[in-house]
Amino acid sequence: FAFVPNLDMLESSSMNEETFYDLDCLCLQKKPCLDLEVTSPRVGIQVAVTKGHAAKTFYQAATLVSVTKLMKQPVHKDFADSDLGDFLDDLFEPVSFQKIEDSYAGAPVYRYTRSQSFDILDIDQKCFVLESPTQLVALHLQGPSAKRKVKLNIALYRPRSAQGGPGTGQVPVALGIKGYQLYMSCVMSGTEPMLQLEEVDIRRDIDSVELTRFIFYRLDSPAEGTTRFESAAFPGWFICTSLQPRQPVGITNQPDQVNITNYKLSGR
C-alpha cells in the first residue's frame, strides 16, 4: 500500500525543517539519520528512506515512488483517484495472459471392425431386389430372375459402451447393398421413422450421434435360426417386409403383426 502525502501539509511545513514520512506512522516526523535523500528543487521536499526490516522493502519502494511522482505534479493540482492509478502502474508491471484453446476428438460411438456379405430372405422366402436407384423391395424370385436378388454387405461395429455386443446379443451393424455404395438408414419422416437408402460409404468409425441413423442392432435367435434388425436411432423399430409381394422394405414398431421382421442369412 502506497501512502501519498497531502500537498497542503507539505506546503505549510517549514522549508528549512527536514521532515519525512515514517513507515509506521502516516504523519510528518523529524528526520533521523538518513541513508539516502531525494531532494526536489521545485518545492524543497526531502524524502528519506531508512534502513529497516526486510519485510518493509516493498513499502519503502512504494513510498519513494509515490512521493517522487507527486513532486513532479504542479503544486496547485489536487490529488485525484486517477493519480493513484498512475502510481500503481509504476509500481506493478503488467502481466499478460495467453488464452490457450484446446480441443480433442471424443471416442467414436461405434468402432468399425470388418464387413461380411450375406444372402437374405425373409421367413416368407422373399428376396431383396433393387428396383430403382434408391428403392429396395421384397419379392419372390424363381429361375433366371433369381439373379436380381441383392446381397447385403454387413459392416460390423464394436460399441463404445456396454449397450451392445456379442455378450448381450446386440451387435451393431450397418446394412449396405453389395456392389453399391448404398446403405440403409432410419430417419424421421413426419411423425414416424422411415427406412431409406443413402449413397455413402459407412465402413469407418461412427463418431457422431447423427450417423447412428445407419446403425442397426443385429438380434440373432439361434433357436430359430433367424435374425432381426432393430434401429439404433429409433429403439423398438425393426426392418420389415410386407406380407404382400413387391412392396418396399420398410421399418415398423409392430413386428409380426402386419409385417415380417425375421430373416434368414446365408453365405457366411
Protein backbone atom coordinates (compact mmCIF):
# COMPACT_ATOMS: atom_id res chain seq x y z
CA PHE A 1 0.00 0.00 0.00
CA ALA A 2 1.50 3.37 -1.01
CA PHE A 3 0.70 6.41 1.15
CA VAL A 4 0.59 9.75 -0.68
CA PRO A 5 1.29 12.87 1.40
CA ASN A 6 -1.01 15.87 1.34
CA LEU A 7 0.40 18.79 -0.63
CA ASP A 8 -1.18 21.33 1.70
CA MET A 9 0.66 19.77 4.62
CA LEU A 10 3.89 19.85 2.67
CA GLU A 11 3.46 23.50 1.71
CA SER A 12 2.55 24.57 5.25
CA SER A 13 5.59 22.93 6.76
CA SER A 14 8.82 24.82 7.15
CA MET A 15 11.09 24.58 4.14
CA ASN A 16 14.08 24.68 6.43
CA GLU A 17 12.86 21.89 8.62
CA GLU A 18 13.88 18.46 7.43
CA THR A 19 10.87 16.18 7.61
CA PHE A 20 9.96 12.75 6.36
CA TYR A 21 7.12 10.22 6.40
CA ASP A 22 7.68 7.38 8.81
CA LEU A 23 6.95 3.85 7.58
CA ASP A 24 4.74 3.02 10.55
CA CYS A 25 3.10 6.40 11.09
CA LEU A 26 1.33 8.35 8.35
CA CYS A 27 2.39 11.74 9.71
CA LEU A 28 5.32 14.13 9.48
CA GLN A 29 8.28 13.22 11.68
CA LYS A 30 11.62 14.72 12.43
CA LYS A 31 14.22 13.25 10.15
CA PRO A 32 16.58 10.82 11.83
CA CYS A 33 19.89 9.71 10.45
CA LEU A 34 19.40 9.30 6.70
CA ASP A 35 20.96 6.77 4.40
CA LEU A 36 19.51 8.16 1.17
CA GLU A 37 17.96 11.51 0.34
CA VAL A 38 15.98 12.58 -2.72
CA THR A 39 15.51 16.34 -2.97
CA SER A 40 13.11 18.20 -5.23
CA PRO A 41 14.42 21.64 -6.22
CA ARG A 42 10.89 22.79 -7.09
CA VAL A 43 9.14 22.61 -3.72
CA GLY A 44 12.01 21.85 -1.38
CA ILE A 45 10.67 18.47 -0.29
CA GLN A 46 13.10 15.94 1.04
CA VAL A 47 12.29 12.24 1.09
CA ALA A 48 14.23 9.98 3.40
CA VAL A 49 14.47 6.21 3.25
CA THR A 50 15.84 4.48 6.31
CA LYS A 51 17.15 1.00 6.61
CA GLY A 52 14.62 -1.26 8.19
CA HIS A 53 13.39 -4.82 8.31
CA ALA A 54 13.44 -6.74 5.03
CA ALA A 55 9.66 -7.10 5.14
CA LYS A 56 9.33 -3.31 4.68
CA THR A 57 11.38 -3.16 1.49
CA PHE A 58 8.37 -3.07 -0.82
CA TYR A 59 6.64 -0.50 1.40
CA GLN A 60 9.72 1.72 1.24
CA ALA A 61 9.91 1.45 -2.54
CA ALA A 62 6.21 2.24 -2.90
CA THR A 63 6.51 5.31 -0.67
CA LEU A 64 9.54 6.58 -2.56
CA VAL A 65 7.92 6.15 -5.97
CA SER A 66 4.67 7.76 -4.81
CA VAL A 67 6.28 10.85 -3.32
CA THR A 68 8.71 11.26 -6.21
CA LYS A 69 5.86 11.12 -8.72
CA LEU A 70 3.84 13.57 -6.65
CA MET A 71 6.68 16.09 -6.68
CA LYS A 72 6.58 16.11 -10.48
CA GLN A 73 2.99 17.38 -10.49
CA PRO A 74 2.04 21.10 -10.39
CA VAL A 75 1.68 22.39 -6.84
CA HIS A 76 -1.86 23.67 -7.40
CA LYS A 77 -3.20 20.33 -8.66
CA ASP A 78 -5.32 18.32 -6.22
CA PHE A 79 -4.71 14.62 -5.80
CA ALA A 80 -7.28 12.55 -7.70
CA ASP A 81 -8.18 8.85 -7.99
CA SER A 82 -6.52 8.73 -11.39
CA ASP A 83 -3.22 9.72 -9.77
CA LEU A 84 -3.37 6.62 -7.58
CA GLY A 85 -3.86 4.52 -10.70
CA ASP A 86 -0.75 6.08 -12.22
CA PHE A 87 1.20 5.25 -9.07
CA LEU A 88 0.10 1.63 -9.22
CA ASP A 89 1.09 1.42 -12.88
CA ASP A 90 4.61 2.46 -11.89
CA LEU A 91 4.77 0.01 -9.01
CA PHE A 92 3.45 -3.06 -10.75
CA GLU A 93 4.48 -4.40 -14.11
CA PRO A 94 1.59 -5.53 -16.30
CA VAL A 95 1.16 -9.28 -16.54
CA SER A 96 -0.03 -10.66 -19.85
CA PHE A 97 -2.16 -13.78 -20.05
CA GLN A 98 -2.23 -16.09 -23.01
CA LYS A 99 -5.52 -17.80 -23.75
CA ILE A 100 -4.90 -21.36 -24.80
CA GLU A 101 -7.72 -23.14 -26.54
CA ASP A 102 -7.57 -26.85 -26.91
CA SER A 103 -9.91 -29.37 -28.42
CA TYR A 104 -9.99 -33.10 -28.56
CA ALA A 105 -11.85 -35.66 -30.53
CA GLY A 106 -14.12 -37.84 -28.46
CA ALA A 107 -14.08 -41.60 -28.71
CA PRO A 108 -16.18 -42.96 -31.58
CA VAL A 109 -19.71 -44.04 -30.74
CA TYR A 110 -19.20 -47.22 -32.78
CA ARG A 111 -15.83 -48.55 -33.91
CA TYR A 112 -15.72 -50.24 -37.30
CA THR A 113 -14.17 -53.72 -37.36
CA ARG A 114 -14.91 -55.56 -40.63
CA SER A 115 -17.55 -56.35 -43.27
CA GLN A 116 -19.26 -59.56 -44.37
CA SER A 117 -21.58 -60.41 -47.28
CA PHE A 118 -24.81 -62.39 -46.86
CA ASP A 119 -27.79 -63.53 -48.88
CA ILE A 120 -31.01 -62.52 -47.16
CA LEU A 121 -34.54 -63.95 -47.26
CA ASP A 122 -37.47 -63.11 -45.05
CA ILE A 123 -39.26 -66.06 -43.45
CA ASP A 124 -41.74 -65.92 -46.34
CA GLN A 125 -38.84 -66.68 -48.72
CA LYS A 126 -38.88 -63.25 -50.34
CA CYS A 127 -35.62 -61.78 -51.62
CA PHE A 128 -34.43 -58.18 -51.59
CA VAL A 129 -34.36 -56.54 -55.02
CA LEU A 130 -33.13 -53.08 -56.01
CA GLU A 131 -35.86 -51.81 -58.34
CA SER A 132 -34.72 -48.21 -58.61
CA PRO A 133 -31.54 -46.42 -57.56
CA THR A 134 -32.85 -45.96 -54.02
CA GLN A 135 -35.84 -48.32 -53.75
CA LEU A 136 -35.46 -51.72 -52.13
CA VAL A 137 -38.39 -54.16 -52.44
CA ALA A 138 -39.05 -57.72 -51.32
CA LEU A 139 -40.49 -60.30 -53.74
CA HIS A 140 -40.41 -63.96 -54.66
CA LEU A 141 -37.85 -64.88 -57.31
CA GLN A 142 -37.54 -68.13 -59.24
CA GLY A 143 -35.38 -69.41 -62.07
CA PRO A 144 -33.33 -66.89 -64.03
CA SER A 145 -34.96 -63.96 -62.21
CA ALA A 146 -33.17 -65.06 -59.04
CA LYS A 147 -30.13 -63.18 -60.36
CA ARG A 148 -31.89 -59.94 -59.48
CA LYS A 149 -31.64 -60.50 -55.76
CA VAL A 150 -29.12 -58.44 -53.89
CA LYS A 151 -26.69 -59.42 -51.19
CA LEU A 152 -26.25 -57.46 -48.02
CA ASN A 153 -22.84 -56.06 -47.21
CA ILE A 154 -22.98 -56.03 -43.41
CA ALA A 155 -20.44 -53.78 -41.69
CA LEU A 156 -19.71 -54.90 -38.12
CA TYR A 157 -19.03 -52.44 -35.31
CA ARG A 158 -17.93 -52.57 -31.72
CA PRO A 159 -19.86 -50.22 -29.43
CA ARG A 160 -18.04 -47.77 -27.16
CA SER A 161 -20.15 -48.72 -24.16
CA ALA A 162 -21.64 -51.96 -22.96
CA GLN A 163 -25.01 -51.22 -24.58
CA GLY A 164 -24.40 -53.77 -27.31
CA GLY A 165 -22.05 -56.56 -28.21
CA PRO A 166 -21.70 -60.30 -28.53
CA GLY A 167 -22.39 -60.82 -24.82
CA THR A 168 -25.73 -59.00 -24.98
CA GLY A 169 -26.99 -60.45 -28.26
CA GLN A 170 -26.97 -56.95 -29.79
CA VAL A 171 -24.33 -56.49 -32.48
CA PRO A 172 -24.17 -53.02 -34.09
CA VAL A 173 -24.13 -53.27 -37.89
CA ALA A 174 -24.65 -51.13 -40.98
CA LEU A 175 -26.59 -52.71 -43.83
CA GLY A 176 -25.32 -51.99 -47.32
CA ILE A 177 -26.12 -53.32 -50.78
CA LYS A 178 -23.18 -55.29 -52.12
CA GLY A 179 -21.75 -53.77 -55.28
CA TYR A 180 -23.18 -50.33 -54.48
CA GLN A 181 -22.32 -47.50 -52.12
CA LEU A 182 -25.84 -47.69 -50.71
CA TYR A 183 -26.63 -48.16 -47.02
CA MET A 184 -29.93 -48.33 -45.18
CA SER A 185 -30.69 -45.51 -42.78
CA CYS A 186 -33.57 -44.81 -40.44
CA VAL A 187 -34.75 -41.18 -40.35
CA MET A 188 -37.78 -39.31 -39.11
CA SER A 189 -40.41 -38.53 -41.75
CA GLY A 190 -43.37 -36.61 -40.44
CA THR A 191 -44.43 -38.27 -37.21
CA GLU A 192 -42.79 -41.68 -37.76
CA PRO A 193 -39.40 -43.07 -38.75
CA MET A 194 -38.87 -44.34 -42.27
CA LEU A 195 -36.27 -46.57 -43.93
CA GLN A 196 -34.32 -45.24 -46.88
CA LEU A 197 -31.16 -45.90 -48.88
CA GLU A 198 -28.35 -43.35 -48.85
CA GLU A 199 -25.32 -43.24 -51.10
CA VAL A 200 -22.43 -43.26 -48.65
CA ASP A 201 -19.51 -45.42 -47.55
CA ILE A 202 -20.08 -46.02 -43.87
CA ARG A 203 -17.25 -48.52 -43.39
CA ARG A 204 -15.46 -46.44 -40.81
CA ASP A 205 -15.82 -45.40 -37.19
CA ILE A 206 -19.14 -43.75 -36.35
CA ASP A 207 -18.04 -40.70 -34.37
CA SER A 208 -21.24 -38.65 -34.21
CA VAL A 209 -24.77 -39.23 -33.00
CA GLU A 210 -26.10 -38.06 -36.35
CA LEU A 211 -24.56 -41.07 -38.11
CA THR A 212 -26.31 -43.54 -35.82
CA ARG A 213 -29.17 -43.48 -38.34
CA PHE A 214 -27.09 -46.04 -40.26
CA ILE A 215 -26.69 -48.36 -37.27
CA PHE A 216 -28.96 -51.32 -36.58
CA TYR A 217 -28.68 -53.91 -33.86
CA ARG A 218 -28.48 -57.40 -35.25
CA LEU A 219 -30.56 -59.62 -32.96
CA ASP A 220 -29.91 -63.30 -33.61
CA SER A 221 -32.25 -66.05 -32.46
CA PRO A 222 -30.11 -69.24 -32.53
CA ALA A 223 -33.04 -71.49 -31.66
CA GLU A 224 -34.99 -70.37 -34.73
CA GLY A 225 -32.01 -69.57 -36.93
CA THR A 226 -33.40 -66.12 -37.69
CA THR A 227 -32.23 -62.54 -37.31
CA ARG A 228 -33.89 -59.20 -36.67
CA PHE A 229 -32.52 -55.70 -37.25
CA GLU A 230 -33.53 -53.01 -34.77
CA SER A 231 -32.81 -49.33 -35.40
CA ALA A 232 -30.24 -47.83 -33.01
CA ALA A 233 -31.63 -44.34 -33.63
CA PHE A 234 -35.23 -45.46 -33.00
CA PRO A 235 -35.33 -48.33 -30.49
CA GLY A 236 -38.31 -50.63 -30.93
CA TRP A 237 -38.43 -50.12 -34.70
CA PHE A 238 -37.41 -53.08 -36.87
CA ILE A 239 -36.61 -53.52 -40.56
CA CYS A 240 -39.62 -55.24 -42.11
CA THR A 241 -41.11 -56.61 -45.29
CA SER A 242 -44.78 -56.68 -46.18
CA LEU A 243 -46.96 -59.77 -46.26
CA GLN A 244 -47.78 -58.67 -49.80
CA PRO A 245 -45.17 -59.21 -52.55
CA ARG A 246 -43.32 -56.45 -54.36
CA GLN A 247 -43.65 -53.97 -51.51
CA PRO A 248 -40.85 -51.68 -50.30
CA VAL A 249 -38.65 -52.84 -47.46
CA GLY A 250 -39.59 -50.62 -44.53
CA ILE A 251 -39.50 -50.29 -40.78
CA THR A 252 -42.15 -50.99 -38.15
CA ASN A 253 -42.75 -50.88 -34.42
CA GLN A 254 -45.37 -53.67 -34.70
CA PRO A 255 -43.29 -56.74 -35.52
CA ASP A 256 -45.01 -59.94 -36.63
CA GLN A 257 -48.46 -58.35 -36.74
CA VAL A 258 -48.86 -56.89 -40.21
CA ASN A 259 -45.21 -57.14 -41.27
CA ILE A 260 -42.35 -59.63 -41.31
CA THR A 261 -39.30 -58.78 -39.23
CA ASN A 262 -37.45 -62.12 -39.15
CA TYR A 263 -34.84 -63.03 -41.75
CA LYS A 264 -32.51 -65.84 -42.66
CA LEU A 265 -28.93 -65.03 -43.57
CA SER A 266 -26.71 -67.36 -45.58
CA GLY A 267 -23.35 -67.30 -47.30
CA ARG A 268 -21.32 -66.76 -44.15
